[in-house]
PDB file of N, CA and C in Angstrom:
ATOM      1  N   MET A   1     -46.113 -13.245  29.082  1.00  0.00           N
ATOM      2  CA  MET A   1     -46.636 -14.776  28.314  1.00  0.00           C
ATOM      3  C   MET A   1     -45.933 -14.988  27.182  1.00  0.00           C
ATOM      4  N   ASN A   2     -45.278 -16.450  27.467  1.00  0.00           N
ATOM      5  CA  ASN A   2     -45.016 -16.737  26.230  1.00  0.00           C
ATOM      6  C   ASN A   2     -45.730 -17.842  25.558  1.00  0.00           C
ATOM      7  N   ILE A   3     -45.285 -17.905  24.196  1.00  0.00           N
ATOM      8  CA  ILE A   3     -46.299 -18.798  23.281  1.00  0.00           C
ATOM      9  C   ILE A   3     -44.974 -20.012  23.670  1.00  0.00           C
ATOM     10  N   ASP A   4     -45.688 -21.434  23.881  1.00  0.00           N
ATOM     11  CA  ASP A   4     -44.603 -22.434  23.856  1.00  0.00           C
ATOM     12  C   ASP A   4     -45.661 -23.643  22.783  1.00  0.00           C
ATOM     13  N   LEU A   5     -44.810 -23.688  21.765  1.00  0.00           N
ATOM     14  CA  LEU A   5     -45.491 -24.396  20.859  1.00  0.00           C
ATOM     15  C   LEU A   5     -44.173 -25.591  20.346  1.00  0.00           C
ATOM     16  N   ALA A   6     -43.377 -25.868  21.654  1.00  0.00           N
ATOM     17  CA  ALA A   6     -42.352 -26.818  21.558  1.00  0.00           C
ATOM     18  C   ALA A   6     -42.945 -28.143  21.322  1.00  0.00           C
ATOM     19  N   LYS A   7     -44.166 -28.795  22.054  1.00  0.00           N
ATOM     20  CA  LYS A   7     -44.865 -30.195  21.406  1.00  0.00           C
ATOM     21  C   LYS A   7     -45.245 -30.296  20.156  1.00  0.00           C
ATOM     22  N   ALA A   8     -45.943 -29.229  20.038  1.00  0.00           N
ATOM     23  CA  ALA A   8     -46.583 -29.220  18.667  1.00  0.00           C
ATOM     24  C   ALA A   8     -45.554 -29.605  17.214  1.00  0.00           C
ATOM     25  N   ARG A   9     -44.261 -28.301  17.570  1.00  0.00           N
ATOM     26  CA  ARG A   9     -43.137 -28.522  16.719  1.00  0.00           C
ATOM     27  C   ARG A   9     -42.610 -29.900  16.512  1.00  0.00           C
ATOM     28  N   ALA A  10     -42.279 -30.726  17.789  1.00  0.00           N
ATOM     29  CA  ALA A  10     -42.058 -32.056  18.266  1.00  0.00           C
ATOM     30  C   ALA A  10     -42.819 -33.188  17.652  1.00  0.00           C
ATOM     31  N   THR A  11     -44.308 -32.639  17.408  1.00  0.00           N
ATOM     32  CA  THR A  11     -45.137 -33.427  16.670  1.00  0.00           C
ATOM     33  C   THR A  11     -44.674 -33.307  15.136  1.00  0.00           C
ATOM     34  N   VAL A  12     -44.652 -32.463  14.687  1.00  0.00           N
ATOM     35  CA  VAL A  12     -44.692 -32.005  13.293  1.00  0.00           C
ATOM     36  C   VAL A  12     -43.494 -32.589  12.742  1.00  0.00           C
ATOM     37  N   GLN A  13     -42.083 -32.399  13.714  1.00  0.00           N
ATOM     38  CA  GLN A  13     -41.270 -33.027  12.833  1.00  0.00           C
ATOM     39  C   GLN A  13     -41.094 -34.826  12.871  1.00  0.00           C
ATOM     40  N   GLU A  14     -42.045 -35.330  14.115  1.00  0.00           N
ATOM     41  CA  GLU A  14     -42.043 -36.494  13.947  1.00  0.00           C
ATOM     42  C   GLU A  14     -42.657 -37.215  12.659  1.00  0.00           C
ATOM     43  N   LEU A  15     -44.171 -36.146  12.163  1.00  0.00           N
ATOM     44  CA  LEU A  15     -44.462 -36.402  11.230  1.00  0.00           C
ATOM     45  C   LEU A  15     -43.775 -36.373  10.045  1.00  0.00           C
ATOM     46  N   ALA A  16     -43.159 -35.141   9.810  1.00  0.00           N
ATOM     47  CA  ALA A  16     -42.409 -34.953   8.739  1.00  0.00           C
ATOM     48  C   ALA A  16     -41.633 -35.892   8.298  1.00  0.00           C
ATOM     49  N   ALA A  17     -40.933 -36.532   9.342  1.00  0.00           N
ATOM     50  CA  ALA A  17     -40.044 -37.977   9.383  1.00  0.00           C
ATOM     51  C   ALA A  17     -40.788 -38.838   9.011  1.00  0.00           C
ATOM     52  N   ALA A  18     -41.798 -39.606   9.578  1.00  0.00           N
ATOM     53  CA  ALA A  18     -42.705 -40.246   9.085  1.00  0.00           C
ATOM     54  C   ALA A  18     -42.989 -40.057   7.522  1.00  0.00           C
ATOM     55  N   LEU A  19     -43.585 -39.008   6.978  1.00  0.00           N
ATOM     56  CA  LEU A  19     -43.902 -38.631   6.010  1.00  0.00           C
ATOM     57  C   LEU A  19     -43.009 -39.382   4.754  1.00  0.00           C
ATOM     58  N   GLU A  20     -41.588 -38.329   5.172  1.00  0.00           N
ATOM     59  CA  GLU A  20     -40.667 -38.764   3.985  1.00  0.00           C
ATOM     60  C   GLU A  20     -40.130 -40.012   4.099  1.00  0.00           C
ATOM     61  N   GLU A  21     -40.564 -41.057   5.162  1.00  0.00           N
ATOM     62  CA  GLU A  21     -40.095 -42.633   4.763  1.00  0.00           C
ATOM     63  C   GLU A  21     -41.030 -43.221   4.380  1.00  0.00           C
ATOM     64  N   LEU A  22     -42.092 -42.851   4.397  1.00  0.00           N
ATOM     65  CA  LEU A  22     -43.569 -43.517   3.704  1.00  0.00           C
ATOM     66  C   LEU A  22     -43.436 -42.933   2.225  1.00  0.00           C
ATOM     67  N   ASP A  23     -43.287 -41.751   2.066  1.00  0.00           N
ATOM     68  CA  ASP A  23     -42.933 -41.001   0.608  1.00  0.00           C
ATOM     69  C   ASP A  23     -42.666 -42.160  -0.319  1.00  0.00           C
ATOM     70  N   GLY A  24     -43.352 -42.204  -1.314  1.00  0.00           N
ATOM     71  CA  GLY A  24     -42.776 -43.225  -2.528  1.00  0.00           C
ATOM     72  C   GLY A  24     -43.203 -45.008  -2.178  1.00  0.00           C
ATOM     73  N   THR A  25     -43.800 -45.234  -1.427  1.00  0.00           N
ATOM     74  CA  THR A  25     -43.928 -46.466  -0.743  1.00  0.00           C
ATOM     75  C   THR A  25     -44.725 -47.411  -2.351  1.00  0.00           C
ATOM     76  N   GLU A  26     -44.281 -48.161  -2.311  1.00  0.00           N
ATOM     77  CA  GLU A  26     -45.515 -48.795  -3.686  1.00  0.00           C
ATOM     78  C   GLU A  26     -46.331 -49.604  -3.043  1.00  0.00           C
ATOM     79  N   VAL A  27     -47.140 -49.665  -3.670  1.00  0.00           N
ATOM     80  CA  VAL A  27     -49.113 -50.511  -3.136  1.00  0.00           C
ATOM     81  C   VAL A  27     -48.020 -51.915  -3.942  1.00  0.00           C
ATOM     82  N   ILE A  28     -48.442 -53.097  -3.174  1.00  0.00           N
ATOM     83  CA  ILE A  28     -48.540 -54.415  -4.018  1.00  0.00           C
ATOM     84  C   ILE A  28     -49.987 -54.514  -4.506  1.00  0.00           C
ATOM     85  N   GLU A  29     -50.128 -55.197  -5.576  1.00  0.00           N
ATOM     86  CA  GLU A  29     -51.462 -54.751  -5.943  1.00  0.00           C
ATOM     87  C   GLU A  29     -51.868 -56.837  -6.334  1.00  0.00           C
ATOM     88  N   LYS A  30     -50.796 -57.548  -6.101  1.00  0.00           N
ATOM     89  CA  LYS A  30     -50.977 -58.814  -6.212  1.00  0.00           C
ATOM     90  C   LYS A  30     -51.595 -59.603  -4.761  1.00  0.00           C
ATOM     91  N   PRO A  31     -52.517 -60.573  -5.105  1.00  0.00           N
ATOM     92  CA  PRO A  31     -53.240 -61.335  -4.123  1.00  0.00           C
ATOM     93  C   PRO A  31     -52.721 -61.921  -3.394  1.00  0.00           C
ATOM     94  N   THR A  32     -51.069 -61.712  -2.636  1.00  0.00           N
ATOM     95  CA  THR A  32     -50.460 -62.683  -2.201  1.00  0.00           C
ATOM     96  C   THR A  32     -50.419 -62.271  -0.295  1.00  0.00           C
ATOM     97  N   ARG A  33     -49.898 -62.973   0.361  1.00  0.00           N
ATOM     98  CA  ARG A  33     -50.023 -63.137   1.652  1.00  0.00           C
ATOM     99  C   ARG A  33     -49.058 -61.738   2.089  1.00  0.00           C
ATOM    100  N   GLU A  34     -47.879 -62.161   1.568  1.00  0.00           N
ATOM    101  CA  GLU A  34     -46.714 -60.880   1.501  1.00  0.00           C
ATOM    102  C   GLU A  34     -47.419 -59.333   1.193  1.00  0.00           C
ATOM    103  N   ALA A  35     -47.883 -59.112   0.352  1.00  0.00           N
ATOM    104  CA  ALA A  35     -49.022 -57.950  -0.469  1.00  0.00           C
ATOM    105  C   ALA A  35     -49.769 -57.514   0.682  1.00  0.00           C
ATOM    106  N   ARG A  36     -50.555 -58.714   1.180  1.00  0.00           N
ATOM    107  CA  ARG A  36     -51.730 -58.141   2.266  1.00  0.00           C
ATOM    108  C   ARG A  36     -51.105 -57.383   3.635  1.00  0.00           C
ATOM    109  N   ARG A  37     -50.181 -58.421   3.941  1.00  0.00           N
ATOM    110  CA  ARG A  37     -49.007 -57.888   5.251  1.00  0.00           C
ATOM    111  C   ARG A  37     -48.338 -56.301   4.853  1.00  0.00           C
ATOM    112  N   GLN A  38     -47.741 -56.336   3.920  1.00  0.00           N
ATOM    113  CA  GLN A  38     -47.290 -54.730   3.841  1.00  0.00           C
ATOM    114  C   GLN A  38     -48.251 -54.084   3.748  1.00  0.00           C
ATOM    115  N   ASN A  39     -49.417 -54.173   2.694  1.00  0.00           N
ATOM    116  CA  ASN A  39     -50.465 -53.172   2.446  1.00  0.00           C
ATOM    117  C   ASN A  39     -51.349 -52.678   3.947  1.00  0.00           C
ATOM    118  N   SER A  40     -51.483 -53.577   4.648  1.00  0.00           N
ATOM    119  CA  SER A  40     -51.876 -53.671   5.851  1.00  0.00           C
ATOM    120  C   SER A  40     -50.995 -52.588   6.794  1.00  0.00           C
ATOM    121  N   ASN A  41     -49.700 -52.714   6.795  1.00  0.00           N
ATOM    122  CA  ASN A  41     -48.666 -52.043   7.472  1.00  0.00           C
ATOM    123  C   ASN A  41     -49.048 -50.784   6.789  1.00  0.00           C
ATOM    124  N   THR A  42     -48.922 -50.896   5.663  1.00  0.00           N
ATOM    125  CA  THR A  42     -48.768 -48.924   5.120  1.00  0.00           C
ATOM    126  C   THR A  42     -50.293 -48.718   5.674  1.00  0.00           C
ATOM    127  N   SER A  43     -51.205 -49.103   5.394  1.00  0.00           N
ATOM    128  CA  SER A  43     -52.626 -48.509   6.154  1.00  0.00           C
ATOM    129  C   SER A  43     -52.573 -47.867   7.601  1.00  0.00           C
ATOM    130  N   ARG A  44     -51.843 -48.733   8.161  1.00  0.00           N
ATOM    131  CA  ARG A  44     -51.624 -48.756   9.832  1.00  0.00           C
ATOM    132  C   ARG A  44     -50.674 -47.121   9.706  1.00  0.00           C
ATOM    133  N   THR A  45     -49.619 -47.359   9.092  1.00  0.00           N
ATOM    134  CA  THR A  45     -48.716 -46.237   8.869  1.00  0.00           C
ATOM    135  C   THR A  45     -49.545 -44.925   8.632  1.00  0.00           C
ATOM    136  N   LEU A  46     -50.243 -45.200   7.818  1.00  0.00           N
ATOM    137  CA  LEU A  46     -51.249 -43.839   6.882  1.00  0.00           C
ATOM    138  C   LEU A  46     -52.142 -43.222   8.292  1.00  0.00           C
ATOM    139  N   LEU A  47     -52.641 -44.371   8.792  1.00  0.00           N
ATOM    140  CA  LEU A  47     -53.589 -43.600   9.904  1.00  0.00           C
ATOM    141  C   LEU A  47     -53.138 -42.837  10.959  1.00  0.00           C
ATOM    142  N   ARG A  48     -51.701 -43.364  11.262  1.00  0.00           N
ATOM    143  CA  ARG A  48     -50.548 -42.560  12.400  1.00  0.00           C
ATOM    144  C   ARG A  48     -50.606 -41.921  11.857  1.00  0.00           C
ATOM    145  N   LEU A  49     -49.989 -41.362  10.723  1.00  0.00           N
ATOM    146  CA  LEU A  49     -49.927 -40.138  10.145  1.00  0.00           C
ATOM    147  C   LEU A  49     -51.089 -38.975  10.234  1.00  0.00           C
ATOM    148  N   SER A  50     -51.796 -39.485  10.107  1.00  0.00           N
ATOM    149  CA  SER A  50     -53.248 -38.925  10.089  1.00  0.00           C
ATOM    150  C   SER A  50     -53.170 -38.305  11.584  1.00  0.00           C
ATOM    151  N   HIS A  51     -53.284 -39.442  12.494  1.00  0.00           N
ATOM    152  CA  HIS A  51     -53.203 -38.905  13.969  1.00  0.00           C
ATOM    153  C   HIS A  51     -52.377 -37.669  14.497  1.00  0.00           C
ATOM    154  N   LEU A  52     -51.326 -38.064  13.814  1.00  0.00           N
ATOM    155  CA  LEU A  52     -50.076 -37.190  14.143  1.00  0.00           C
ATOM    156  C   LEU A  52     -50.270 -35.534  13.806  1.00  0.00           C
ATOM    157  N   ALA A  53     -50.823 -35.376  12.510  1.00  0.00           N
ATOM    158  CA  ALA A  53     -51.505 -34.163  11.939  1.00  0.00           C
ATOM    159  C   ALA A  53     -52.429 -34.022  12.935  1.00  0.00           C
ATOM    160  N   ASN A  54     -53.337 -34.868  13.275  1.00  0.00           N
ATOM    161  CA  ASN A  54     -54.662 -34.375  14.307  1.00  0.00           C
ATOM    162  C   ASN A  54     -53.943 -33.810  15.448  1.00  0.00           C
ATOM    163  N   ARG A  55     -52.931 -34.490  16.258  1.00  0.00           N
ATOM    164  CA  ARG A  55     -52.191 -34.186  17.078  1.00  0.00           C
ATOM    165  C   ARG A  55     -51.445 -32.787  17.575  1.00  0.00           C
ATOM    166  N   ALA A  56     -50.789 -32.729  16.324  1.00  0.00           N
ATOM    167  CA  ALA A  56     -50.471 -31.332  16.339  1.00  0.00           C
ATOM    168  C   ALA A  56     -51.238 -30.280  16.380  1.00  0.00           C
ATOM    169  N   SER A  57     -52.475 -30.553  15.536  1.00  0.00           N
ATOM    170  CA  SER A  57     -53.148 -29.325  15.333  1.00  0.00           C
ATOM    171  C   SER A  57     -53.968 -29.078  16.842  1.00  0.00           C
ATOM    172  N   VAL A  58     -54.192 -30.145  17.520  1.00  0.00           N
ATOM    173  CA  VAL A  58     -54.843 -29.753  18.762  1.00  0.00           C
ATOM    174  C   VAL A  58     -53.591 -29.107  19.852  1.00  0.00           C
ATOM    175  N   GLU A  59     -52.753 -29.414  19.933  1.00  0.00           N
ATOM    176  CA  GLU A  59     -51.412 -29.003  20.654  1.00  0.00           C
ATOM    177  C   GLU A  59     -51.319 -27.332  20.555  1.00  0.00           C
ATOM    178  N   ILE A  60     -51.648 -26.932  19.203  1.00  0.00           N
ATOM    179  CA  ILE A  60     -51.473 -25.622  18.629  1.00  0.00           C
ATOM    180  C   ILE A  60     -53.304 -25.133  19.211  1.00  0.00           C
ATOM    181  N   MET A  61     -54.142 -25.607  18.939  1.00  0.00           N
ATOM    182  CA  MET A  61     -55.224 -25.454  19.532  1.00  0.00           C
ATOM    183  C   MET A  61     -54.958 -24.754  20.948  1.00  0.00           C
ATOM    184  N   ASP A  62     -54.630 -25.802  21.511  1.00  0.00           N
ATOM    185  CA  ASP A  62     -54.361 -25.823  23.314  1.00  0.00           C
ATOM    186  C   ASP A  62     -53.190 -24.258  23.865  1.00  0.00           C
ATOM    187  N   GLU A  63     -52.589 -24.214  22.664  1.00  0.00           N
ATOM    188  CA  GLU A  63     -52.034 -22.764  22.833  1.00  0.00           C
ATOM    189  C   GLU A  63     -52.660 -21.868  22.821  1.00  0.00           C
ATOM    190  N   TYR A  64     -53.763 -21.825  21.339  1.00  0.00           N
ATOM    191  CA  TYR A  64     -54.295 -20.913  20.865  1.00  0.00           C
ATOM    192  C   TYR A  64     -55.370 -20.328  22.265  1.00  0.00           C
ATOM    193  N   HIS A  65     -55.940 -21.609  22.794  1.00  0.00           N
ATOM    194  CA  HIS A  65     -56.877 -20.978  24.152  1.00  0.00           C
ATOM    195  C   HIS A  65     -56.064 -20.584  24.922  1.00  0.00           C
ATOM    196  N   ASP A  66     -54.972 -21.322  25.542  1.00  0.00           N
ATOM    197  CA  ASP A  66     -54.241 -20.456  26.788  1.00  0.00           C
ATOM    198  C   ASP A  66     -54.086 -19.086  26.670  1.00  0.00           C
ATOM    199  N   PHE A  67     -53.765 -18.841  25.061  1.00  0.00           N
ATOM    200  CA  PHE A  67     -53.454 -17.431  24.681  1.00  0.00           C
ATOM    201  C   PHE A  67     -54.726 -16.472  24.824  1.00  0.00           C
ATOM    202  N   LYS A  68     -55.797 -17.103  24.450  1.00  0.00           N
ATOM    203  CA  LYS A  68     -57.050 -16.551  24.199  1.00  0.00           C
ATOM    204  C   LYS A  68     -57.836 -15.979  26.070  1.00  0.00           C
ATOM    205  N   GLN A  69     -57.694 -16.633  26.968  1.00  0.00           N
ATOM    206  CA  GLN A  69     -57.414 -16.677  28.117  1.00  0.00           C
ATOM    207  C   GLN A  69     -57.466 -15.526  28.752  1.00  0.00           C
ATOM    208  N   ARG A  70     -55.899 -15.158  28.174  1.00  0.00           N
ATOM    209  CA  ARG A  70     -54.910 -14.356  28.767  1.00  0.00           C
ATOM    210  C   ARG A  70     -55.295 -13.015  28.366  1.00  0.00           C
ATOM    211  N   ASP A  71     -55.495 -13.164  27.008  1.00  0.00           N
ATOM    212  CA  ASP A  71     -55.674 -12.130  26.012  1.00  0.00           C
ATOM    213  C   ASP A  71     -57.077 -11.388  26.224  1.00  0.00           C
ATOM    214  N   ASP A  72     -57.949 -12.119  26.347  1.00  0.00           N
ATOM    215  CA  ASP A  72     -59.473 -11.241  26.529  1.00  0.00           C
ATOM    216  C   ASP A  72     -59.789 -11.165  27.799  1.00  0.00           C
ATOM    217  N   PRO A  73     -60.681  -9.737  27.825  1.00  0.00           N
ATOM    218  CA  PRO A  73     -60.947  -9.292  29.170  1.00  0.00           C
ATOM    219  C   PRO A  73     -62.175 -10.768  29.965  1.00  0.00           C
ATOM    220  N   PRO A  74     -62.208 -10.012  31.266  1.00  0.00           N
ATOM    221  CA  PRO A  74     -62.973 -11.159  31.813  1.00  0.00           C
ATOM    222  C   PRO A  74     -64.571 -10.899  30.999  1.00  0.00           C
ATOM    223  N   GLN A  75     -65.600 -11.793  31.205  1.00  0.00           N
ATOM    224  CA  GLN A  75     -66.879 -11.221  30.787  1.00  0.00           C
ATOM    225  C   GLN A  75     -67.294 -10.289  31.673  1.00  0.00           C
ATOM    226  N   GLY A  76     -68.524  -9.508  31.235  1.00  0.00           N
ATOM    227  CA  GLY A  76     -69.001  -8.250  32.080  1.00  0.00           C
ATOM    228  C   GLY A  76     -68.522  -7.163  31.821  1.00  0.00           C
ATOM    229  N   SER A  77     -67.263  -7.119  31.866  1.00  0.00           N
ATOM    230  CA  SER A  77     -66.027  -5.898  31.810  1.00  0.00           C
ATOM    231  C   SER A  77     -66.124  -5.283  30.525  1.00  0.00           C
ATOM    232  N   ASP A  78     -66.520  -3.769  30.883  1.00  0.00           N
ATOM    233  CA  ASP A  78     -66.381  -2.608  29.627  1.00  0.00           C
ATOM    234  C   ASP A  78     -64.726  -2.333  28.819  1.00  0.00           C
ATOM    235  N   HIS A  79     -64.105  -2.714  30.125  1.00  0.00           N
ATOM    236  CA  HIS A  79     -62.352  -2.540  30.238  1.00  0.00           C
ATOM    237  C   HIS A  79     -61.334  -3.734  29.448  1.00  0.00           C
TER     238      HIS A  79
END
């Protein structure tokens, strides 16, 4: 059995690139239409970053569960 974390690694790379792009973004505190539009876009981006982090976690857990099913002896067996 080979552990395959390619999907999780791809997700983490996508997350890292998006984090780098968003890092340092200035939040506009003026009550203008443009400020609301930009801040709304930033909010959606942050939500997507959270989603990507959760997706990477799930992809890793999927691989963990596949590993455990192969690694654990069948229930009821003493060997």
